[in-house]
């Protein structure tokens, strides 16, 4: 779990910004979005293959 300690006299908005940056670095939000619903292993493989093919086309 991500944690940010507020400094004395620090604005809440600034602490929230630090927390969001920390969570983004850790990939927490990305993982939560991916786990919103169950995705079968075959669907994961299909999605990954599709992304790889798109990268191949883009790099040519």
N, C-alpha and C. Protein backbone atom coordinates (compact mmCIF):
# COMPACT_ATOMS: atom_id res chain seq x y z
N UNK A 1 0.84 -1.17 0.00
CA UNK A 1 0.00 0.00 0.00
C UNK A 1 0.89 1.24 0.00
N UNK A 2 0.57 2.17 -0.85
CA UNK A 2 1.36 3.41 -0.95
C UNK A 2 1.02 4.33 0.22
N UNK A 3 2.03 5.00 0.68
CA UNK A 3 1.84 5.90 1.80
C UNK A 3 2.69 7.14 1.60
N UNK A 4 2.10 8.30 1.91
CA UNK A 4 2.82 9.56 1.83
C UNK A 4 2.57 10.30 3.14
N UNK A 5 3.62 10.68 3.79
CA UNK A 5 3.48 11.42 5.04
C UNK A 5 3.50 12.91 4.72
N UNK A 6 2.54 13.61 5.31
CA UNK A 6 2.47 15.06 5.09
C UNK A 6 3.51 15.76 5.95
N UNK A 7 4.14 16.74 5.35
CA UNK A 7 5.11 17.53 6.09
C UNK A 7 4.37 18.64 6.83
N UNK A 8 4.99 19.15 7.85
CA UNK A 8 4.36 20.19 8.65
C UNK A 8 4.08 21.43 7.78
N UNK A 9 2.82 21.85 7.75
CA UNK A 9 2.44 23.04 6.99
C UNK A 9 2.26 22.78 5.50
N UNK A 10 2.30 21.52 5.07
CA UNK A 10 2.17 21.19 3.65
C UNK A 10 0.69 21.19 3.25
N UNK A 11 0.40 21.66 2.07
CA UNK A 11 -0.97 21.67 1.56
C UNK A 11 -1.39 20.25 1.18
N UNK A 12 -2.66 19.95 1.40
CA UNK A 12 -3.19 18.62 1.10
C UNK A 12 -3.05 18.32 -0.40
N UNK A 13 -3.28 19.32 -1.22
CA UNK A 13 -3.19 19.14 -2.67
C UNK A 13 -1.79 18.69 -3.09
N UNK A 14 -0.78 19.26 -2.44
CA UNK A 14 0.60 18.91 -2.77
C UNK A 14 0.88 17.47 -2.36
N UNK A 15 0.39 17.07 -1.19
CA UNK A 15 0.58 15.70 -0.72
C UNK A 15 -0.14 14.72 -1.65
N UNK A 16 -1.34 15.09 -2.10
CA UNK A 16 -2.08 14.24 -3.04
C UNK A 16 -1.31 14.07 -4.35
N UNK A 17 -0.72 15.15 -4.82
CA UNK A 17 0.08 15.09 -6.04
C UNK A 17 1.25 14.12 -5.88
N UNK A 18 1.91 14.18 -4.71
CA UNK A 18 3.02 13.27 -4.45
C UNK A 18 2.54 11.82 -4.40
N UNK A 19 1.36 11.61 -3.79
CA UNK A 19 0.80 10.26 -3.71
C UNK A 19 0.48 9.73 -5.10
N UNK A 20 -0.12 10.55 -5.94
CA UNK A 20 -0.47 10.13 -7.30
C UNK A 20 0.79 9.78 -8.09
N UNK A 21 1.84 10.59 -7.96
CA UNK A 21 3.10 10.30 -8.65
C UNK A 21 3.68 8.97 -8.19
N UNK A 22 3.64 8.74 -6.87
CA UNK A 22 4.19 7.52 -6.30
C UNK A 22 3.40 6.31 -6.81
N UNK A 23 2.08 6.41 -6.83
CA UNK A 23 1.24 5.30 -7.29
C UNK A 23 1.45 5.05 -8.77
N UNK A 24 1.68 6.10 -9.54
CA UNK A 24 1.93 5.95 -10.97
C UNK A 24 3.25 5.23 -11.20
N UNK A 25 4.28 5.58 -10.43
CA UNK A 25 5.58 4.92 -10.55
C UNK A 25 5.48 3.43 -10.21
N UNK A 26 4.70 3.11 -9.18
CA UNK A 26 4.55 1.72 -8.75
C UNK A 26 3.64 0.92 -9.68
N UNK A 27 2.84 1.62 -10.47
CA UNK A 27 1.91 0.93 -11.37
C UNK A 27 0.64 0.46 -10.68
N UNK A 28 0.33 1.04 -9.54
CA UNK A 28 -0.83 0.62 -8.75
C UNK A 28 -2.13 0.85 -9.51
N UNK A 29 -2.32 2.02 -10.06
CA UNK A 29 -3.58 2.33 -10.75
C UNK A 29 -3.75 1.47 -11.99
N UNK A 30 -2.66 1.23 -12.70
CA UNK A 30 -2.71 0.39 -13.89
C UNK A 30 -3.17 -1.02 -13.54
N UNK A 31 -2.64 -1.54 -12.44
CA UNK A 31 -2.99 -2.88 -11.99
C UNK A 31 -4.46 -2.95 -11.57
N UNK A 32 -4.93 -1.93 -10.90
CA UNK A 32 -6.33 -1.89 -10.48
C UNK A 32 -7.25 -1.89 -11.69
N UNK A 33 -6.91 -1.10 -12.68
CA UNK A 33 -7.73 -1.05 -13.90
C UNK A 33 -7.75 -2.41 -14.60
N UNK A 34 -6.61 -3.08 -14.63
CA UNK A 34 -6.54 -4.40 -15.27
C UNK A 34 -7.32 -5.46 -14.51
N UNK A 35 -7.50 -5.30 -13.22
CA UNK A 35 -8.18 -6.30 -12.40
C UNK A 35 -9.66 -6.00 -12.17
N UNK A 36 -10.20 -5.03 -12.88
CA UNK A 36 -11.62 -4.69 -12.70
C UNK A 36 -12.52 -5.86 -13.04
N UNK A 37 -12.14 -6.64 -14.01
CA UNK A 37 -12.93 -7.80 -14.39
C UNK A 37 -11.97 -8.93 -14.75
N UNK A 38 -12.49 -10.14 -14.67
CA UNK A 38 -11.65 -11.31 -14.95
C UNK A 38 -11.46 -11.45 -16.45
N UNK A 39 -10.24 -11.69 -16.84
CA UNK A 39 -9.91 -11.90 -18.25
C UNK A 39 -9.27 -13.29 -18.37
N UNK A 40 -9.88 -14.11 -19.20
CA UNK A 40 -9.37 -15.47 -19.36
C UNK A 40 -7.96 -15.43 -19.93
N UNK A 41 -7.14 -16.44 -19.60
CA UNK A 41 -5.77 -16.48 -20.11
C UNK A 41 -5.70 -16.43 -21.63
N UNK A 42 -6.67 -17.06 -22.31
CA UNK A 42 -6.67 -17.04 -23.78
C UNK A 42 -6.92 -15.62 -24.29
N UNK A 43 -7.76 -14.85 -23.57
CA UNK A 43 -8.01 -13.47 -23.97
C UNK A 43 -6.77 -12.61 -23.77
N UNK A 44 -6.04 -12.87 -22.70
CA UNK A 44 -4.80 -12.13 -22.44
C UNK A 44 -3.79 -12.38 -23.56
N UNK A 45 -3.63 -13.67 -23.93
CA UNK A 45 -2.70 -14.02 -25.00
C UNK A 45 -3.11 -13.35 -26.31
N UNK A 46 -4.41 -13.37 -26.61
CA UNK A 46 -4.90 -12.76 -27.85
C UNK A 46 -4.62 -11.26 -27.86
N UNK A 47 -4.86 -10.59 -26.72
CA UNK A 47 -4.62 -9.15 -26.62
C UNK A 47 -3.13 -8.83 -26.78
N UNK A 48 -2.29 -9.63 -26.15
CA UNK A 48 -0.84 -9.41 -26.24
C UNK A 48 -0.34 -9.63 -27.67
N UNK A 49 -0.84 -10.66 -28.33
CA UNK A 49 -0.44 -10.94 -29.71
C UNK A 49 -0.86 -9.80 -30.63
N UNK A 50 -2.03 -9.28 -30.38
CA UNK A 50 -2.54 -8.16 -31.19
C UNK A 50 -1.64 -6.92 -31.01
N UNK A 51 -1.24 -6.66 -29.77
CA UNK A 51 -0.36 -5.52 -29.50
C UNK A 51 1.01 -5.71 -30.15
N UNK A 52 1.53 -6.94 -30.09
CA UNK A 52 2.84 -7.23 -30.68
C UNK A 52 2.79 -7.05 -32.19
N UNK A 53 1.69 -7.51 -32.82
CA UNK A 53 1.55 -7.36 -34.26
C UNK A 53 1.48 -5.88 -34.65
N UNK A 54 0.78 -5.10 -33.85
CA UNK A 54 0.68 -3.66 -34.13
C UNK A 54 2.06 -3.01 -34.02
N UNK A 55 2.85 -3.44 -33.04
CA UNK A 55 4.20 -2.89 -32.88
C UNK A 55 5.06 -3.25 -34.09
N UNK A 56 4.92 -4.49 -34.57
CA UNK A 56 5.68 -4.94 -35.73
C UNK A 56 5.35 -4.08 -36.96
N UNK A 57 4.05 -3.85 -37.16
CA UNK A 57 3.63 -3.02 -38.30
C UNK A 57 4.14 -1.60 -38.16
N UNK A 58 4.13 -1.09 -36.93
CA UNK A 58 4.54 0.30 -36.69
C UNK A 58 6.03 0.48 -36.91
N UNK A 59 6.85 -0.53 -36.58
CA UNK A 59 8.30 -0.41 -36.68
C UNK A 59 8.82 -0.56 -38.11
N UNK A 60 8.02 -1.06 -39.02
CA UNK A 60 8.49 -1.25 -40.40
C UNK A 60 8.53 0.02 -41.17
